[in-house]
C-alpha atoms as a PDB file:
ATOM      1  CA  MET A   1     180.954 100.859-124.977  1.00  0.00           C
ATOM      2  CA  LYS A   2     178.274  98.780-126.730  1.00  0.00           C
ATOM      3  CA  ASN A   3     177.973  98.831-130.524  1.00  0.00           C
ATOM      4  CA  ILE A   4     174.648 100.691-130.404  1.00  0.00           C
ATOM      5  CA  GLU A   5     176.179 103.404-128.240  1.00  0.00           C
ATOM      6  CA  LYS A   6     179.214 103.642-130.553  1.00  0.00           C
ATOM      7  CA  THR A   7     176.952 103.901-133.581  1.00  0.00           C
ATOM      8  CA  GLN A   8     174.836 106.573-131.904  1.00  0.00           C
ATOM      9  CA  LYS A   9     177.947 108.525-130.926  1.00  0.00           C
ATOM     10  CA  TRP A  10     179.229 108.310-134.519  1.00  0.00           C
ATOM     11  CA  TRP A  11     175.817 109.382-135.868  1.00  0.00           C
ATOM     12  CA  ASP A  12     175.643 112.316-133.462  1.00  0.00           C
ATOM     13  CA  SER A  13     179.114 113.462-134.566  1.00  0.00           C
ATOM     14  CA  LEU A  14     177.879 113.936-138.149  1.00  0.00           C
ATOM     15  CA  SER A  15     176.557 117.245-139.398  1.00  0.00           C
ATOM     16  CA  TYR A  16     172.890 117.589-140.297  1.00  0.00           C
ATOM     17  CA  GLU A  17     173.813 117.587-144.009  1.00  0.00           C
ATOM     18  CA  GLU A  18     175.889 114.384-143.640  1.00  0.00           C
ATOM     19  CA  GLN A  19     173.005 112.662-141.803  1.00  0.00           C
ATOM     20  CA  LYS A  20     170.562 113.814-144.467  1.00  0.00           C
ATOM     21  CA  GLU A  21     172.784 112.445-147.272  1.00  0.00           C
ATOM     22  CA  ILE A  22     173.206 109.072-145.524  1.00  0.00           C
ATOM     23  CA  LYS A  23     169.445 108.791-144.979  1.00  0.00           C
ATOM     24  CA  LYS A  24     168.837 109.603-148.643  1.00  0.00           C
ATOM     25  CA  GLU A  25     171.443 107.102-149.852  1.00  0.00           C
ATOM     26  CA  THR A  26     170.161 104.253-147.704  1.00  0.00           C
ATOM     27  CA  LYS A  27     166.400 104.595-148.108  1.00  0.00           C
ATOM     28  CA  ILE A  28     165.282 101.113-149.063  1.00  0.00           C
ATOM     29  CA  ILE A  29     161.727  99.861-149.522  1.00  0.00           C
ATOM     30  CA  GLN A  30     161.211  96.099-149.653  1.00  0.00           C
ATOM     31  CA  LYS A  31     158.259  94.614-151.519  1.00  0.00           C
ATOM     32  CA  ASN A  32     157.787  91.123-152.990  1.00  0.00           C
ATOM     33  CA  GLN A  33     161.478  90.187-152.609  1.00  0.00           C
ATOM     34  CA  ILE A  34     162.494  93.117-154.801  1.00  0.00           C
ATOM     35  CA  CYS A  35     163.951  96.101-153.040  1.00  0.00           C
ATOM     36  CA  LEU A  36     163.233  99.378-154.705  1.00  0.00           C
ATOM     37  CA  ARG A  37     165.874 101.981-153.998  1.00  0.00           C
ATOM     38  CA  THR A  38     165.134 105.669-154.273  1.00  0.00           C
ATOM     39  CA  ILE A  39     167.781 107.343-156.391  1.00  0.00           C
ATOM     40  CA  GLY A  40     166.946 110.947-157.186  1.00  0.00           C
ATOM     41  CA  GLY A  41     163.215 110.175-157.061  1.00  0.00           C
ATOM     42  CA  VAL A  42     163.439 107.259-159.532  1.00  0.00           C
ATOM     43  CA  MET A  43     162.788 103.708-158.351  1.00  0.00           C
ATOM     44  CA  ASP A  44     165.592 101.357-159.367  1.00  0.00           C
ATOM     45  CA  LYS A  45     164.227  97.811-159.687  1.00  0.00           C
ATOM     46  CA  ASN A  46     167.563  96.200-160.540  1.00  0.00           C
ATOM     47  CA  TRP A  47     168.491  95.482-156.924  1.00  0.00           C
ATOM     48  CA  VAL A  48     167.323  92.193-155.398  1.00  0.00           C
ATOM     49  CA  TRP A  49     168.235  91.638-151.745  1.00  0.00           C
ATOM     50  CA  MET A  50     168.749  88.033-150.604  1.00  0.00           C
ATOM     51  CA  GLY A  51     169.006  86.614-147.109  1.00  0.00           C
ATOM     52  CA  HIS A  52     171.932  84.218-147.431  1.00  0.00           C
ATOM     53  CA  ALA A  53     175.656  84.870-147.704  1.00  0.00           C
ATOM     54  CA  GLY A  54     176.721  85.163-151.336  1.00  0.00           C
ATOM     55  CA  HIS A  55     180.297  83.967-150.862  1.00  0.00           C
ATOM     56  CA  LEU A  56     182.887  82.611-148.405  1.00  0.00           C
ATOM     57  CA  ILE A  57     182.992  78.973-147.417  1.00  0.00           C
ATOM     58  CA  VAL A  58     182.178  79.924-143.809  1.00  0.00           C
ATOM     59  CA  GLY A  59     179.598  82.535-144.866  1.00  0.00           C
ATOM     60  CA  ASN A  60     176.876  80.659-142.973  1.00  0.00           C
ATOM     61  CA  GLU A  61     178.852  81.258-139.762  1.00  0.00           C
ATOM     62  CA  CYS A  62     179.108  85.010-140.372  1.00  0.00           C
ATOM     63  CA  GLN A  63     176.668  87.077-138.344  1.00  0.00           C
ATOM     64  CA  PHE A  64     176.813  89.960-140.852  1.00  0.00           C
ATOM     65  CA  ARG A  65     175.501  89.145-144.335  1.00  0.00           C
ATOM     66  CA  LEU A  66     174.419  91.379-147.193  1.00  0.00           C
ATOM     67  CA  ASN A  67     173.814  89.754-150.570  1.00  0.00           C
ATOM     68  CA  THR A  68     172.408  91.825-153.429  1.00  0.00           C
ATOM     69  CA  ASN A  69     171.908  91.107-157.098  1.00  0.00           C
ATOM     70  CA  VAL A  70     172.516  94.279-159.094  1.00  0.00           C
ATOM     71  CA  GLY A  71     171.786  93.816-162.802  1.00  0.00           C
ATOM     72  CA  LYS A  72     174.153  91.034-163.915  1.00  0.00           C
ATOM     73  CA  TYR A  73     176.222  91.000-160.708  1.00  0.00           C
ATOM     74  CA  ILE A  74     176.147  89.657-157.164  1.00  0.00           C
ATOM     75  CA  VAL A  75     177.500  92.023-154.500  1.00  0.00           C
ATOM     76  CA  SER A  76     178.169  89.980-151.361  1.00  0.00           C
ATOM     77  CA  THR A  77     179.343  91.334-148.008  1.00  0.00           C
ATOM     78  CA  VAL A  78     180.082  89.049-145.060  1.00  0.00           C
ATOM     79  CA  GLY A  79     181.694  89.507-141.649  1.00  0.00           C
ATOM     80  CA  GLU A  80     181.501  88.971-137.896  1.00  0.00           C
ATOM     81  CA  TYR A  81     182.688  85.395-138.272  1.00  0.00           C
ATOM     82  CA  VAL A  82     181.980  83.129-135.295  1.00  0.00           C
ATOM     83  CA  PRO A  83     183.499  79.673-135.879  1.00  0.00           C
ATOM     84  CA  ASP A  84     181.498  76.585-134.955  1.00  0.00           C
ATOM     85  CA  SER A  85     181.991  75.106-131.477  1.00  0.00           C
ATOM     86  CA  ASN A  86     184.631  72.546-132.505  1.00  0.00           C
ATOM     87  CA  VAL A  87     186.773  75.172-134.221  1.00  0.00           C
ATOM     88  CA  ARG A  88     186.333  77.550-131.251  1.00  0.00           C
ATOM     89  CA  GLU A  89     187.662  74.844-128.914  1.00  0.00           C
ATOM     90  CA  ILE A  90     190.727  74.263-131.108  1.00  0.00           C
ATOM     91  CA  LEU A  91     191.411  77.997-131.435  1.00  0.00           C
ATOM     92  CA  ALA A  92     190.935  78.609-127.704  1.00  0.00           C
ATOM     93  CA  GLU A  93     193.355  75.801-126.811  1.00  0.00           C
ATOM     94  CA  SER A  94     195.956  76.973-129.338  1.00  0.00           C
ATOM     95  CA  ARG A  95     195.730  80.533-127.949  1.00  0.00           C
ATOM     96  CA  GLY A  96     195.811  79.524-124.287  1.00  0.00           C
ATOM     97  CA  ILE A  97     192.249  80.710-123.683  1.00  0.00           C
ATOM     98  CA  LYS A  98     190.277  78.774-121.051  1.00  0.00           C
ATOM     99  CA  LEU A  99     186.610  78.716-122.004  1.00  0.00           C
ATOM    100  CA  GLU A 100     183.991  78.318-119.295  1.00  0.00           C
ATOM    101  CA  GLY A 101     180.354  77.235-119.287  1.00  0.00           C
ATOM    102  CA  LYS A 102     178.330  75.102-121.676  1.00  0.00           C
ATOM    103  CA  GLY A 103     176.259  75.848-124.759  1.00  0.00           C
ATOM    104  CA  ASP A 104     175.329  79.520-125.154  1.00  0.00           C
ATOM    105  CA  PHE A 105     177.270  80.421-121.998  1.00  0.00           C
ATOM    106  CA  ARG A 106     180.433  78.942-123.528  1.00  0.00           C
ATOM    107  CA  LEU A 107     179.794  80.867-126.743  1.00  0.00           C
ATOM    108  CA  ALA A 108     179.315  84.074-124.717  1.00  0.00           C
ATOM    109  CA  ASP A 109     182.606  83.394-122.927  1.00  0.00           C
ATOM    110  CA  TRP A 110     184.319  82.912-126.313  1.00  0.00           C
ATOM    111  CA  MET A 111     182.917  86.231-127.538  1.00  0.00           C
ATOM    112  CA  LYS A 112     183.993  88.018-124.345  1.00  0.00           C
ATOM    113  CA  LYS A 113     187.531  86.643-124.499  1.00  0.00           C
ATOM    114  CA  ASN A 114     188.071  86.548-128.259  1.00  0.00           C
ATOM    115  CA  GLY A 115     185.357  88.340-130.255  1.00  0.00           C
ATOM    116  CA  TYR A 116     184.833  87.868-133.971  1.00  0.00           C
ATOM    117  CA  GLU A 117     187.502  86.151-136.036  1.00  0.00           C
ATOM    118  CA  ASN A 118     189.122  87.818-139.013  1.00  0.00           C
ATOM    119  CA  ILE A 119     187.808  86.514-142.325  1.00  0.00           C
ATOM    120  CA  GLY A 120     190.956  87.522-144.159  1.00  0.00           C
ATOM    121  CA  PHE A 121     194.197  89.357-143.515  1.00  0.00           C
ATOM    122  CA  ASN A 122     193.521  92.167-141.032  1.00  0.00           C
ATOM    123  CA  ARG A 123     189.789  92.411-141.744  1.00  0.00           C
ATOM    124  CA  LYS A 124     186.519  91.404-140.070  1.00  0.00           C
ATOM    125  CA  TYR A 125     184.297  92.099-143.130  1.00  0.00           C
ATOM    126  CA  GLU A 126     184.663  91.937-146.889  1.00  0.00           C
ATOM    127  CA  THR A 127     182.671  92.737-150.010  1.00  0.00           C
ATOM    128  CA  MET A 128     183.158  90.832-153.252  1.00  0.00           C
ATOM    129  CA  VAL A 129     181.460  91.112-156.643  1.00  0.00           C
ATOM    130  CA  PHE A 130     180.777  88.200-159.016  1.00  0.00           C
ATOM    131  CA  LYS A 131     178.837  87.650-162.234  1.00  0.00           C
ATOM    132  CA  SER A 132     175.346  86.367-161.392  1.00  0.00           C
ATOM    133  CA  VAL A 133     172.948  83.818-162.830  1.00  0.00           C
ATOM    134  CA  GLU A 134     169.232  83.269-162.132  1.00  0.00           C
ATOM    135  CA  THR A 135     168.096  80.287-160.067  1.00  0.00           C
ATOM    136  CA  ASP A 136     164.722  78.651-159.391  1.00  0.00           C
ATOM    137  CA  SER A 137     164.917  79.553-155.690  1.00  0.00           C
ATOM    138  CA  LYS A 138     162.255  81.922-154.370  1.00  0.00           C
ATOM    139  CA  CYS A 139     164.471  82.889-151.443  1.00  0.00           C
ATOM    140  CA  CYS A 140     167.618  83.713-153.388  1.00  0.00           C
ATOM    141  CA  PRO A 141     166.660  84.021-157.067  1.00  0.00           C
ATOM    142  CA  TYR A 142     170.292  84.731-158.065  1.00  0.00           C
ATOM    143  CA  ARG A 143     173.657  83.172-157.261  1.00  0.00           C
ATOM    144  CA  ALA A 144     177.234  83.685-158.357  1.00  0.00           C
ATOM    145  CA  LEU A 145     177.897  82.241-161.810  1.00  0.00           C
ATOM    146  CA  ASP A 146     181.426  81.454-160.645  1.00  0.00           C
ATOM    147  CA  PHE A 147     183.598  82.746-157.854  1.00  0.00           C
ATOM    148  CA  ASN A 148     186.060  84.745-159.941  1.00  0.00           C
ATOM    149  CA  GLU A 149     185.848  88.019-158.055  1.00  0.00           C
ATOM    150  CA  LEU A 150     185.455  91.155-160.130  1.00  0.00           C
ATOM    151  CA  ASP A 151     185.883  93.622-157.266  1.00  0.00           C
ATOM    152  CA  PHE A 152     186.811  93.536-153.581  1.00  0.00           C
ATOM    153  CA  CYS A 153     186.997  95.710-150.476  1.00  0.00           C
ATOM    154  CA  GLY A 154     187.786  94.817-146.835  1.00  0.00           C
ATOM    155  CA  TYR A 155     186.672  96.552-143.636  1.00  0.00           C
ATOM    156  CA  ASN A 156     186.955  96.314-139.860  1.00  0.00           C
ATOM    157  CA  LEU A 157     183.745  98.084-138.808  1.00  0.00           C
ATOM    158  CA  ALA A 158     180.146  97.049-139.502  1.00  0.00           C
ATOM    159  CA  ARG A 159     179.109 100.545-140.592  1.00  0.00           C
ATOM    160  CA  ASP A 160     181.985 100.665-143.095  1.00  0.00           C
ATOM    161  CA  ALA A 161     180.965  97.253-144.430  1.00  0.00           C
ATOM    162  CA  TYR A 162     177.336  98.353-144.774  1.00  0.00           C
ATOM    163  CA  PHE A 163     178.129 101.616-146.567  1.00  0.00           C
ATOM    164  CA  GLY A 164     180.848  99.868-148.598  1.00  0.00           C
ATOM    165  CA  HIS A 165     178.242  97.340-149.747  1.00  0.00           C
ATOM    166  CA  ILE A 166     175.871 100.134-150.812  1.00  0.00           C
ATOM    167  CA  LYS A 167     178.676 101.943-152.665  1.00  0.00           C
ATOM    168  CA  MET A 168     179.710  98.724-154.423  1.00  0.00           C
ATOM    169  CA  CYS A 169     176.075  98.143-155.467  1.00  0.00           C
ATOM    170  CA  ASP A 170     175.941 101.692-156.862  1.00  0.00           C
ATOM    171  CA  LYS A 171     179.205 101.147-158.746  1.00  0.00           C
ATOM    172  CA  TRP A 172     178.175  97.833-160.329  1.00  0.00           C
ATOM    173  CA  ASN A 173     174.630  99.027-161.021  1.00  0.00           C
ATOM    174  CA  LYS A 174     176.185 101.393-163.593  1.00  0.00           C
ATOM    175  CA  LYS A 175     178.003  98.618-165.496  1.00  0.00           C
END
């Protein structure tokens, strides 16, 4: 079953009230690089959404990236790690997997036979929180001050990682 179908099946299994609450909690309006989040009718301007991974040395190779500055903190969620082609070849050989094709076809074969790699022990996604500092970048106007994590949560499903990220933003927005 494809991810979209799984997500739709999960969504359909929720009650009307659960769907309504999720829609309310995740209503996000983006304008001028500042995302305004509706919380009880009040616009919270403390959340700044950024397009790059906020942590993990292989964060650029993760297909799933959420990176949000909340007040004085960076909340970074990454997952769906696809190693670069050289690492895929080494892993395939060490696991006895014979990859076929070239270029994108070889990558597709890797995904069919292996899927996403774990990014930590028994997890495909993780959220970490760090103190933040402003930068001069227009794309990502905040970065982690250091990488001493203040909070952490791991997940194995994209929807759990997404909602976990939102919950972590809510939690650290109150600090």
